[in-house]
Amino acid sequence: MNFSIVRFTTGRLLQIEAFLLLLPLLVSFIYREPMQYPLSFGAVILILLVIGQLTSRKMPRKTRITTKEGFVVVSLSWILLSFFGALPFVFSGDIPSLIDAFFETSSGFTTTGSSILTNVEALSHSMLFWRSFTHLIGGMGILVFALAVLPQFESESVYIMKAEVPGPTFGKLVSKLSSTARILYVIYLSMTLVVVILLLFGGMNLFDALLHAFGVAGTGGFGIKNGGIASYDSAYIQYVIAIGMLVFGVNFNLYYMILIKQVRQVFKSEELKWYLGIVASAVMLIGLNLLSSYDSLEKLFRDVLFSVSSVITTTGFSTADFGKWPLFSQIILLLLMFIGGSAGSTAGGLKVSRIVILFKTVMSEIKRVAQPNRVVSIRYDEKALSKETKHAVANYILIYAVIYIALLLLISFDSPDFLTAFSSVAATFNNIGPGLGAVGPAESFAGLNDFSKVILSFSMLAGRLEIFPMIILFSPRTWKK
């Protein structure tokens, strides 16, 4: 283990967080908030700068980053950034409990959207801004941002990006990794700006439009109104956010293909076809199930499209309390929670590509059993899948299931019923936001005890980083020389 490079890189990331905290500090001055808010942000900025300077002032002699160092840097950085990002809430008194603040900030950075707040409108403008801004930072990846602005370790930082970018496979858009990171962020921020403009056209003020766009872009889902998106009572705004969530649930590599005029490659994407097909099927099935409950077909379509978009992209915004929908509709939404969005998007979950590969692997095995002498080749995106990819997907899903069961057992001590326990783990581990039962879209996670909140905080971090970085971080073998 190259401890010096872990120390150095983590210190630089803490300095970046100090720089990012300048934005909510500016918001506190713009809205002329009481001094407790600028002082809270200022104190955390000072702490981060001092610690960051002490840990990164000396450049390591060996800058080589292997897979192990990459995973440790990513997991350790996300924990530390969530911890220090929680301090402004604690110092200001808006969320006095450190555990609650850590849960809220972890939920923000991992773009989960689960919340312990029962009255979100009680937060100041600066705290609301920081809370939603964490979605924008965490959506594309904290370390991807760092690679875009601090590309010191170009030759080795691929292991950092592989650990943070979700999906079963990873590929650079261009030869230089720092250029790939910049391209991704330019696309990401440009699309976010489009959402802001569209929401402004719908009558939102600039502050509200920015914060909702941060949630859409990062597929996070932190609301700034107690009534959620429904508070705006605007079909236009709901359609913009519903379509925006679906757009950000698509692999960003496809948007790069559009930029370089390879549109045919986009339409050949097998994952995109499955993603849109799953959304269309879910909307149709839930719509038919709820048909007798609505007087307006347009309102039915809008609520179902919004809920399906929010759940499959693991965003967490809501316009309807789907916790009160029929069991059939709830089961479909629960399945969408596990499927998630596309690989290489800001969405969470298992990812559509893994589900497709697993489905094709199972079907090929059935054919092989039925016809033992038949050679069955699995193809994905017009290419034959390697054994390594198939095994990686199968192993990931197996490890996912084992950890899910472990988390479920830990949470069961504090849950009033099985549905609440099961969906709270599904909501956090898949970075969804709201669950069902006592943690449904009309409720919050405030009723859980501190132990459960800590467990679910790490559930969010493990889910966002796709398990392995967190396993490696806490493995005793990692820290042996």
Protein backbone atom coordinates (compact mmCIF):
# COMPACT_ATOMS: atom_id res chain seq x y z
CA MET A 1 0.00 0.00 0.00
CA ASN A 2 1.39 3.39 -1.03
CA PHE A 3 0.23 5.33 2.05
CA SER A 4 1.86 8.58 0.96
CA ILE A 5 -0.16 8.81 -2.25
CA VAL A 6 -3.38 8.05 -0.35
CA ARG A 7 -2.54 10.81 2.13
CA PHE A 8 -1.57 13.30 -0.57
CA THR A 9 -4.59 12.71 -2.82
CA THR A 10 -7.06 12.77 0.07
CA GLY A 11 -5.56 16.05 1.29
CA ARG A 12 -6.00 17.62 -2.14
CA LEU A 13 -9.63 16.50 -2.22
CA LEU A 14 -10.28 18.12 1.16
CA GLN A 15 -8.90 21.37 -0.26
CA ILE A 16 -11.29 21.04 -3.20
CA GLU A 17 -14.21 20.65 -0.79
CA ALA A 18 -13.08 23.85 0.96
CA PHE A 19 -13.22 25.62 -2.40
CA LEU A 20 -16.72 24.24 -3.12
CA LEU A 21 -17.98 25.46 0.28
CA LEU A 22 -17.31 29.02 -0.86
CA LEU A 23 -20.52 28.87 -2.94
CA PRO A 24 -22.95 28.30 -0.03
CA LEU A 25 -20.92 30.86 1.95
CA LEU A 26 -21.62 33.36 -0.84
CA VAL A 27 -25.33 32.42 -0.76
CA SER A 28 -25.44 33.17 2.98
CA PHE A 29 -24.15 36.68 2.25
CA ILE A 30 -26.53 37.21 -0.68
CA TYR A 31 -29.56 36.41 1.49
CA ARG A 32 -28.08 38.34 4.47
CA GLU A 33 -28.46 35.41 6.80
CA PRO A 34 -27.55 35.54 10.51
CA MET A 35 -23.81 35.33 11.21
CA GLN A 36 -24.09 31.75 12.44
CA TYR A 37 -24.32 30.58 8.81
CA PRO A 38 -21.30 32.34 7.25
CA LEU A 39 -19.31 31.53 10.38
CA SER A 40 -20.27 27.84 10.11
CA PHE A 41 -19.13 27.62 6.50
CA GLY A 42 -16.04 29.72 7.20
CA ALA A 43 -14.99 27.51 10.10
CA VAL A 44 -15.29 24.31 8.04
CA ILE A 45 -13.41 25.92 5.12
CA LEU A 46 -10.57 26.84 7.49
CA ILE A 47 -10.48 23.32 8.99
CA LEU A 48 -10.38 21.72 5.54
CA LEU A 49 -7.64 24.05 4.29
CA VAL A 50 -5.44 23.37 7.33
CA ILE A 51 -5.88 19.58 7.22
CA GLY A 52 -5.57 19.56 3.43
CA GLN A 53 -2.36 21.58 3.55
CA LEU A 54 -0.81 19.43 6.27
CA THR A 55 -1.54 16.18 4.42
CA SER A 56 -0.69 17.27 0.87
CA ARG A 57 2.14 19.77 1.25
CA LYS A 58 4.77 17.14 0.44
CA MET A 59 4.61 15.43 -2.94
CA PRO A 60 5.16 11.66 -2.59
CA ARG A 61 8.27 10.20 -4.17
CA LYS A 62 6.25 7.33 -5.60
CA THR A 63 3.09 8.54 -7.37
CA ARG A 64 2.06 5.13 -8.68
CA ILE A 65 -1.57 4.25 -7.96
CA THR A 66 -2.62 0.61 -8.23
CA THR A 67 -6.15 -0.74 -8.02
CA LYS A 68 -5.86 -1.05 -4.23
CA GLU A 69 -4.73 2.57 -3.73
CA GLY A 70 -7.39 3.77 -6.17
CA PHE A 71 -10.18 2.03 -4.28
CA VAL A 72 -8.89 3.20 -0.88
CA VAL A 73 -8.57 6.82 -2.06
CA VAL A 74 -12.10 6.80 -3.44
CA SER A 75 -13.82 5.18 -0.44
CA LEU A 76 -11.83 7.12 2.19
CA SER A 77 -12.39 10.40 0.36
CA TRP A 78 -16.15 9.92 0.13
CA ILE A 79 -16.38 9.20 3.88
CA LEU A 80 -14.22 12.19 4.84
CA LEU A 81 -15.96 14.58 2.43
CA SER A 82 -19.35 13.48 3.81
CA PHE A 83 -18.12 13.96 7.38
CA PHE A 84 -16.67 17.43 6.85
CA GLY A 85 -19.58 18.36 4.58
CA ALA A 86 -21.90 17.62 7.51
CA LEU A 87 -20.17 20.04 9.88
CA PRO A 88 -21.86 23.25 8.59
CA PHE A 89 -25.25 21.75 9.49
CA VAL A 90 -23.99 20.93 12.99
CA PHE A 91 -22.18 24.25 13.60
CA SER A 92 -25.18 26.31 12.45
CA GLY A 93 -27.61 24.31 14.56
CA ASP A 94 -29.88 23.46 11.61
CA ILE A 95 -29.09 19.74 12.15
CA PRO A 96 -27.52 19.63 15.63
CA SER A 97 -26.90 15.85 15.64
CA LEU A 98 -23.66 14.87 13.89
CA ILE A 99 -25.09 11.45 12.98
CA ASP A 100 -28.17 13.05 11.41
CA ALA A 101 -26.00 15.57 9.56
CA PHE A 102 -23.67 12.79 8.32
CA PHE A 103 -26.69 10.81 7.10
CA GLU A 104 -28.05 13.88 5.26
CA THR A 105 -24.70 14.76 3.68
CA SER A 106 -23.91 11.16 2.71
CA SER A 107 -27.35 11.06 1.10
CA GLY A 108 -26.50 14.25 -0.78
CA PHE A 109 -23.07 13.23 -2.08
CA THR A 110 -24.24 9.74 -3.03
CA THR A 111 -27.28 11.33 -4.76
CA THR A 112 -29.61 9.16 -2.70
CA GLY A 113 -32.08 11.78 -1.53
CA SER A 114 -33.08 10.01 1.70
CA SER A 115 -33.60 12.56 4.46
CA ILE A 116 -33.99 12.79 8.23
CA LEU A 117 -35.64 16.22 7.95
CA THR A 118 -39.33 16.56 8.69
CA ASN A 119 -39.50 20.28 7.87
CA VAL A 120 -37.07 21.04 5.08
CA GLU A 121 -38.38 24.61 4.68
CA ALA A 122 -36.94 25.45 8.11
CA LEU A 123 -33.40 25.33 6.64
CA SER A 124 -31.70 28.56 5.61
CA HIS A 125 -31.06 29.33 1.92
CA SER A 126 -27.34 28.60 2.27
CA MET A 127 -27.96 25.23 3.92
CA LEU A 128 -30.56 24.30 1.30
CA PHE A 129 -28.06 25.27 -1.40
CA TRP A 130 -25.22 23.19 0.10
CA ARG A 131 -27.57 20.25 0.66
CA SER A 132 -28.64 20.21 -3.02
CA PHE A 133 -25.21 21.20 -4.35
CA THR A 134 -23.81 17.94 -2.95
CA HIS A 135 -26.04 16.17 -5.52
CA LEU A 136 -24.35 18.02 -8.38
CA ILE A 137 -20.87 17.24 -7.03
CA GLY A 138 -21.55 13.59 -6.28
CA GLY A 139 -23.57 12.88 -9.41
CA MET A 140 -20.68 12.72 -11.84
CA GLY A 141 -18.19 11.91 -9.09
CA ILE A 142 -16.06 13.88 -6.65
CA LEU A 143 -12.83 12.36 -7.87
CA VAL A 144 -13.81 12.66 -11.53
CA PHE A 145 -14.09 16.39 -10.83
CA ALA A 146 -10.70 16.31 -9.14
CA LEU A 147 -9.17 14.56 -12.15
CA ALA A 148 -10.66 17.22 -14.40
CA VAL A 149 -9.06 20.09 -12.47
CA LEU A 150 -6.01 18.41 -10.87
CA PRO A 151 -4.67 15.85 -13.37
CA GLN A 152 -1.32 15.23 -11.64
CA PHE A 153 -1.38 11.45 -11.98
CA GLU A 154 -2.59 10.99 -15.53
CA SER A 155 -0.89 7.67 -16.15
CA GLU A 156 -2.19 5.93 -13.04
CA SER A 157 -5.46 7.70 -12.12
CA VAL A 158 -7.52 5.33 -14.26
CA TYR A 159 -7.86 3.17 -11.13
CA ILE A 160 -9.45 6.09 -9.28
CA MET A 161 -11.93 6.73 -12.07
CA LYS A 162 -12.75 3.02 -12.42
CA ALA A 163 -13.57 2.88 -8.73
CA GLU A 164 -15.96 5.84 -8.92
CA VAL A 165 -17.67 5.61 -12.31
CA PRO A 166 -20.56 3.11 -12.00
CA GLY A 167 -21.05 0.14 -14.29
CA PRO A 168 -19.65 -3.30 -15.08
CA THR A 169 -17.12 -1.94 -17.58
CA PHE A 170 -15.11 1.26 -17.90
CA GLY A 171 -13.71 2.97 -20.96
CA LYS A 172 -12.04 6.29 -21.64
CA LEU A 173 -13.71 8.62 -24.16
CA VAL A 174 -10.33 9.93 -25.34
CA SER A 175 -6.74 8.86 -24.77
CA LYS A 176 -6.06 11.23 -21.85
CA LEU A 177 -8.04 10.47 -18.71
CA SER A 178 -8.08 14.10 -17.55
CA SER A 179 -9.60 15.07 -20.91
CA THR A 180 -12.25 12.36 -20.46
CA ALA A 181 -13.11 13.81 -17.04
CA ARG A 182 -13.37 17.33 -18.49
CA ILE A 183 -15.57 16.18 -21.38
CA LEU A 184 -17.90 14.37 -18.97
CA TYR A 185 -18.20 17.44 -16.76
CA VAL A 186 -18.77 19.82 -19.68
CA ILE A 187 -21.63 17.60 -20.93
CA TYR A 188 -22.96 17.21 -17.39
CA LEU A 189 -22.95 20.91 -16.53
CA SER A 190 -24.31 21.94 -19.94
CA MET A 191 -27.27 19.58 -19.53
CA THR A 192 -27.81 20.91 -15.99
CA LEU A 193 -27.94 24.46 -17.36
CA VAL A 194 -30.60 23.40 -19.87
CA VAL A 195 -32.74 22.03 -17.02
CA VAL A 196 -32.33 25.31 -15.10
CA ILE A 197 -33.49 27.34 -18.13
CA LEU A 198 -36.49 25.07 -18.75
CA LEU A 199 -37.55 25.34 -15.09
CA LEU A 200 -37.23 29.13 -15.25
CA PHE A 201 -39.62 29.10 -18.21
CA GLY A 202 -42.05 27.19 -15.99
CA GLY A 203 -42.19 30.02 -13.46
CA MET A 204 -39.65 28.82 -10.88
CA ASN A 205 -37.38 31.46 -9.38
CA LEU A 206 -33.64 31.12 -10.01
CA PHE A 207 -32.83 29.68 -6.58
CA ASP A 208 -35.49 26.97 -6.79
CA ALA A 209 -34.60 26.18 -10.42
CA LEU A 210 -30.91 25.74 -9.57
CA LEU A 211 -31.55 23.44 -6.62
CA HIS A 212 -34.04 21.27 -8.48
CA ALA A 213 -31.70 21.09 -11.48
CA PHE A 214 -28.92 19.91 -9.13
CA GLY A 215 -31.24 17.11 -7.98
CA VAL A 216 -32.26 16.17 -11.53
CA ALA A 217 -28.68 16.19 -12.84
CA GLY A 218 -27.28 14.16 -9.97
CA THR A 219 -30.46 12.02 -9.84
CA GLY A 220 -30.50 12.93 -6.16
CA GLY A 221 -33.95 14.14 -5.27
CA PHE A 222 -33.56 16.45 -2.26
CA GLY A 223 -36.70 18.58 -2.13
CA ILE A 224 -36.78 22.16 -0.89
CA LYS A 225 -40.53 22.23 -0.22
CA ASN A 226 -42.35 20.12 2.34
CA GLY A 227 -44.86 19.18 -0.35
CA GLY A 228 -42.15 18.22 -2.85
CA ILE A 229 -42.53 18.92 -6.56
CA ALA A 230 -46.32 18.82 -6.18
CA SER A 231 -46.07 22.13 -4.27
CA TYR A 232 -45.56 23.96 -7.57
CA ASP A 233 -48.85 22.62 -8.98
CA SER A 234 -47.45 22.78 -12.53
CA ALA A 235 -47.79 20.00 -15.09
CA TYR A 236 -45.05 21.66 -17.18
CA ILE A 237 -42.52 21.55 -14.31
CA GLN A 238 -43.39 17.94 -13.55
CA TYR A 239 -42.87 16.90 -17.18
CA VAL A 240 -39.57 18.79 -17.39
CA ILE A 241 -38.27 17.06 -14.26
CA ALA A 242 -39.62 13.62 -15.27
CA ILE A 243 -37.98 13.77 -18.71
CA GLY A 244 -34.84 15.33 -17.21
CA MET A 245 -34.45 12.42 -14.79
CA LEU A 246 -34.75 9.93 -17.65
CA VAL A 247 -32.16 11.85 -19.69
CA PHE A 248 -29.63 11.83 -16.85
CA GLY A 249 -30.23 8.11 -16.36
CA VAL A 250 -28.65 7.42 -19.77
CA ASN A 251 -24.98 6.53 -20.22
CA PHE A 252 -23.08 9.80 -20.76
CA ASN A 253 -20.83 8.11 -23.32
CA LEU A 254 -23.83 8.19 -25.68
CA TYR A 255 -24.07 11.96 -25.40
CA TYR A 256 -20.40 12.17 -26.35
CA MET A 257 -21.20 10.01 -29.39
CA ILE A 258 -23.84 12.54 -30.39
CA LEU A 259 -21.31 15.37 -30.04
CA ILE A 260 -18.86 13.66 -32.38
CA LYS A 261 -21.72 12.91 -34.81
CA GLN A 262 -21.83 9.13 -34.30
CA VAL A 263 -25.59 9.10 -33.82
CA ARG A 264 -25.96 5.63 -35.35
CA GLN A 265 -23.90 4.19 -32.51
CA VAL A 266 -26.37 5.69 -30.04
CA PHE A 267 -29.34 3.95 -31.64
CA LYS A 268 -27.39 0.67 -31.63
CA SER A 269 -26.93 0.82 -27.84
CA GLU A 270 -28.56 -2.29 -26.42
CA GLU A 271 -28.63 -0.87 -22.90
CA LEU A 272 -30.50 2.24 -24.10
CA LYS A 273 -33.14 0.10 -25.83
CA TRP A 274 -33.67 -2.00 -22.70
CA TYR A 275 -33.71 1.10 -20.48
CA LEU A 276 -36.44 2.80 -22.53
CA GLY A 277 -38.32 -0.48 -22.89
CA ILE A 278 -38.36 -1.07 -19.14
CA VAL A 279 -39.61 2.49 -18.53
CA ALA A 280 -42.38 2.15 -21.15
CA SER A 281 -43.46 -1.26 -19.79
CA ALA A 282 -43.54 -0.03 -16.19
CA VAL A 283 -45.57 3.07 -17.11
CA MET A 284 -48.09 0.96 -19.03
CA LEU A 285 -48.49 -1.71 -16.31
CA ILE A 286 -48.81 0.75 -13.43
CA GLY A 287 -51.11 2.97 -15.50
CA LEU A 288 -53.48 0.06 -16.15
CA ASN A 289 -53.37 -0.89 -12.46
CA LEU A 290 -54.31 2.66 -11.39
CA LEU A 291 -56.79 3.36 -14.19
CA SER A 292 -59.86 3.22 -11.94
CA SER A 293 -58.26 5.51 -9.32
CA TYR A 294 -57.93 8.58 -11.58
CA ASP A 295 -60.53 10.78 -13.23
CA SER A 296 -58.01 12.35 -15.63
CA LEU A 297 -55.93 10.22 -18.00
CA GLU A 298 -53.36 13.01 -18.35
CA LYS A 299 -52.92 13.27 -14.57
CA LEU A 300 -52.63 9.47 -14.37
CA PHE A 301 -49.96 9.39 -17.09
CA ARG A 302 -48.06 12.30 -15.52
CA ASP A 303 -47.98 10.81 -12.00
CA VAL A 304 -46.98 7.37 -13.26
CA LEU A 305 -44.32 8.68 -15.67
CA PHE A 306 -42.87 10.90 -12.94
CA SER A 307 -42.79 8.10 -10.34
CA VAL A 308 -41.29 5.55 -12.74
CA SER A 309 -38.68 8.07 -13.94
CA SER A 310 -37.82 9.00 -10.37
CA VAL A 311 -37.48 5.40 -9.15
CA ILE A 312 -35.60 3.81 -12.06
CA THR A 313 -33.11 6.70 -12.17
CA THR A 314 -32.87 6.49 -8.35
CA THR A 315 -33.65 10.21 -8.05
CA GLY A 316 -36.30 10.25 -5.34
CA PHE A 317 -38.49 13.21 -6.31
CA SER A 318 -42.20 12.53 -5.88
CA THR A 319 -45.51 14.04 -6.95
CA ALA A 320 -47.71 11.22 -5.67
CA ASP A 321 -47.54 9.04 -2.57
CA PHE A 322 -46.89 5.72 -4.31
CA GLY A 323 -46.80 4.12 -0.87
CA LYS A 324 -50.61 4.19 -1.07
CA TRP A 325 -50.79 2.65 -4.54
CA PRO A 326 -51.96 -0.97 -5.04
CA LEU A 327 -49.48 -3.72 -4.15
CA PHE A 328 -48.92 -4.61 -7.83
CA SER A 329 -47.73 -1.08 -8.62
CA GLN A 330 -45.53 -0.99 -5.52
CA ILE A 331 -43.86 -4.28 -6.50
CA ILE A 332 -43.06 -2.91 -9.96
CA LEU A 333 -41.53 0.21 -8.40
CA LEU A 334 -39.57 -1.99 -5.98
CA LEU A 335 -38.15 -3.95 -8.93
CA LEU A 336 -37.20 -0.68 -10.64
CA MET A 337 -35.32 0.32 -7.48
CA PHE A 338 -33.01 -2.66 -7.95
CA ILE A 339 -32.61 -2.27 -11.73
CA GLY A 340 -31.60 1.40 -11.61
CA GLY A 341 -30.35 3.46 -14.55
CA SER A 342 -27.67 2.93 -17.18
CA ALA A 343 -23.99 2.32 -16.51
CA GLY A 344 -21.98 5.52 -16.84
CA SER A 345 -24.95 7.66 -15.78
CA THR A 346 -25.58 9.49 -12.52
CA ALA A 347 -28.23 6.92 -11.52
CA GLY A 348 -27.76 4.15 -8.95
CA GLY A 349 -29.05 0.58 -8.69
CA LEU A 350 -27.60 -2.57 -10.19
CA LYS A 351 -27.61 -0.90 -13.66
CA VAL A 352 -29.56 -1.99 -16.72
CA SER A 353 -26.46 -3.41 -18.43
CA ARG A 354 -25.84 -5.88 -15.58
CA ILE A 355 -29.48 -6.97 -15.62
CA VAL A 356 -29.36 -7.53 -19.39
CA ILE A 357 -26.10 -9.48 -19.19
CA LEU A 358 -27.44 -11.60 -16.33
CA PHE A 359 -30.69 -12.27 -18.23
CA LYS A 360 -28.80 -13.33 -21.36
CA THR A 361 -26.47 -15.53 -19.31
CA VAL A 362 -29.42 -17.30 -17.68
CA MET A 363 -31.16 -17.82 -21.03
CA SER A 364 -27.98 -19.21 -22.59
CA GLU A 365 -27.60 -21.62 -19.66
CA ILE A 366 -31.19 -22.83 -20.16
CA LYS A 367 -30.47 -23.45 -23.85
CA ARG A 368 -27.24 -25.26 -22.98
CA VAL A 369 -29.05 -27.55 -20.52
CA ALA A 370 -31.78 -28.29 -23.06
CA GLN A 371 -29.23 -28.92 -25.84
CA PRO A 372 -25.88 -29.93 -24.26
CA ASN A 373 -24.04 -30.08 -27.59
CA ARG A 374 -25.14 -26.61 -28.66
CA VAL A 375 -22.59 -23.78 -28.54
CA VAL A 376 -24.32 -20.62 -27.30
CA SER A 377 -22.52 -17.31 -27.70
CA ILE A 378 -23.76 -14.33 -25.69
CA ARG A 379 -23.58 -11.03 -27.54
CA TYR A 380 -23.99 -7.57 -26.11
CA ASP A 381 -23.88 -4.44 -28.27
CA GLU A 382 -23.03 -6.68 -31.24
CA LYS A 383 -19.93 -8.04 -29.47
CA ALA A 384 -19.32 -11.42 -27.90
CA LEU A 385 -19.19 -11.19 -24.13
CA SER A 386 -16.01 -12.46 -22.52
CA LYS A 387 -16.10 -14.99 -19.70
CA GLU A 388 -14.47 -12.39 -17.45
CA THR A 389 -17.34 -9.94 -17.94
CA LYS A 390 -19.99 -12.61 -17.32
CA HIS A 391 -18.23 -13.81 -14.18
CA ALA A 392 -17.73 -10.22 -12.96
CA VAL A 393 -21.44 -9.47 -13.32
CA ALA A 394 -22.48 -12.72 -11.61
CA ASN A 395 -20.00 -12.19 -8.76
CA TYR A 396 -21.09 -8.58 -8.27
CA ILE A 397 -24.75 -9.54 -8.00
CA LEU A 398 -23.89 -12.35 -5.57
CA ILE A 399 -21.87 -10.01 -3.34
CA TYR A 400 -24.64 -7.40 -3.67
CA ALA A 401 -27.20 -9.94 -2.41
CA VAL A 402 -25.03 -11.04 0.54
CA ILE A 403 -24.40 -7.47 1.69
CA TYR A 404 -28.06 -6.55 1.17
CA ILE A 405 -29.14 -9.39 3.46
CA ALA A 406 -26.55 -8.35 6.07
CA LEU A 407 -27.81 -4.75 5.99
CA LEU A 408 -31.40 -5.97 6.21
CA LEU A 409 -30.62 -8.00 9.34
CA LEU A 410 -28.92 -5.01 10.98
CA ILE A 411 -31.82 -2.68 10.20
CA SER A 412 -34.46 -5.18 11.28
CA PHE A 413 -33.84 -4.41 14.98
CA ASP A 414 -35.18 -0.89 14.51
CA SER A 415 -37.88 -1.36 11.87
CA PRO A 416 -41.60 -1.55 12.65
CA ASP A 417 -42.28 -4.02 9.81
CA PHE A 418 -40.60 -6.00 7.04
CA LEU A 419 -41.66 -3.60 4.26
CA THR A 420 -40.00 -0.66 6.04
CA ALA A 421 -36.79 -2.61 6.67
CA PHE A 422 -36.60 -4.08 3.18
CA SER A 423 -37.37 -0.84 1.37
CA SER A 424 -35.11 1.31 3.60
CA VAL A 425 -32.13 -0.86 2.58
CA ALA A 426 -33.31 -0.86 -1.05
CA ALA A 427 -33.71 2.92 -0.97
CA THR A 428 -30.25 3.59 0.47
CA PHE A 429 -28.18 0.77 -1.05
CA ASN A 430 -29.54 1.61 -4.52
CA ASN A 431 -29.36 5.37 -3.85
CA ILE A 432 -33.10 5.82 -4.44
CA GLY A 433 -34.25 8.13 -1.63
CA PRO A 434 -37.75 7.30 -0.38
CA GLY A 435 -38.74 3.75 0.39
CA LEU A 436 -42.07 2.25 1.40
CA GLY A 437 -43.88 1.86 4.71
CA ALA A 438 -42.56 4.12 7.48
CA VAL A 439 -39.89 5.55 5.13
CA GLY A 440 -42.25 6.19 2.19
CA PRO A 441 -42.31 9.31 -0.03
CA ALA A 442 -44.53 11.16 2.45
CA GLU A 443 -42.31 10.19 5.42
CA SER A 444 -38.62 10.48 6.36
CA PHE A 445 -35.85 8.47 8.05
CA ALA A 446 -36.04 10.62 11.19
CA GLY A 447 -37.77 7.87 13.20
CA LEU A 448 -34.82 5.48 12.98
CA ASN A 449 -32.28 5.26 15.79
CA ASP A 450 -28.67 6.43 15.47
CA PHE A 451 -27.33 2.91 14.85
CA SER A 452 -29.65 2.42 11.88
CA LYS A 453 -28.77 5.85 10.48
CA VAL A 454 -25.04 5.04 10.60
CA ILE A 455 -25.62 1.66 8.93
CA LEU A 456 -27.77 3.24 6.21
CA SER A 457 -25.22 6.03 5.70
CA PHE A 458 -22.56 3.44 4.87
CA SER A 459 -25.18 1.59 2.82
CA MET A 460 -25.53 4.71 0.65
CA LEU A 461 -21.77 5.10 0.29
CA ALA A 462 -21.25 1.41 -0.54
CA GLY A 463 -24.07 1.49 -3.08
CA ARG A 464 -22.78 4.62 -4.82
CA LEU A 465 -19.24 3.23 -5.04
CA GLU A 466 -20.52 -0.21 -6.05
CA ILE A 467 -19.40 -2.11 -2.96
CA PHE A 468 -15.79 -3.09 -3.71
CA PRO A 469 -14.03 0.17 -2.66
CA MET A 470 -15.73 0.04 0.75
CA ILE A 471 -14.91 -3.67 1.19
CA ILE A 472 -11.26 -3.03 0.36
CA LEU A 473 -11.10 0.00 2.67
CA PHE A 474 -12.28 -2.02 5.69
CA SER A 475 -10.33 -5.17 4.85
CA PRO A 476 -7.45 -5.72 7.35
CA ARG A 477 -5.27 -7.09 4.53
CA THR A 478 -5.41 -3.73 2.75
CA TRP A 479 -3.47 -2.00 5.51
CA LYS A 480 -0.74 -4.61 5.87
CA LYS A 481 2.64 -3.72 4.43
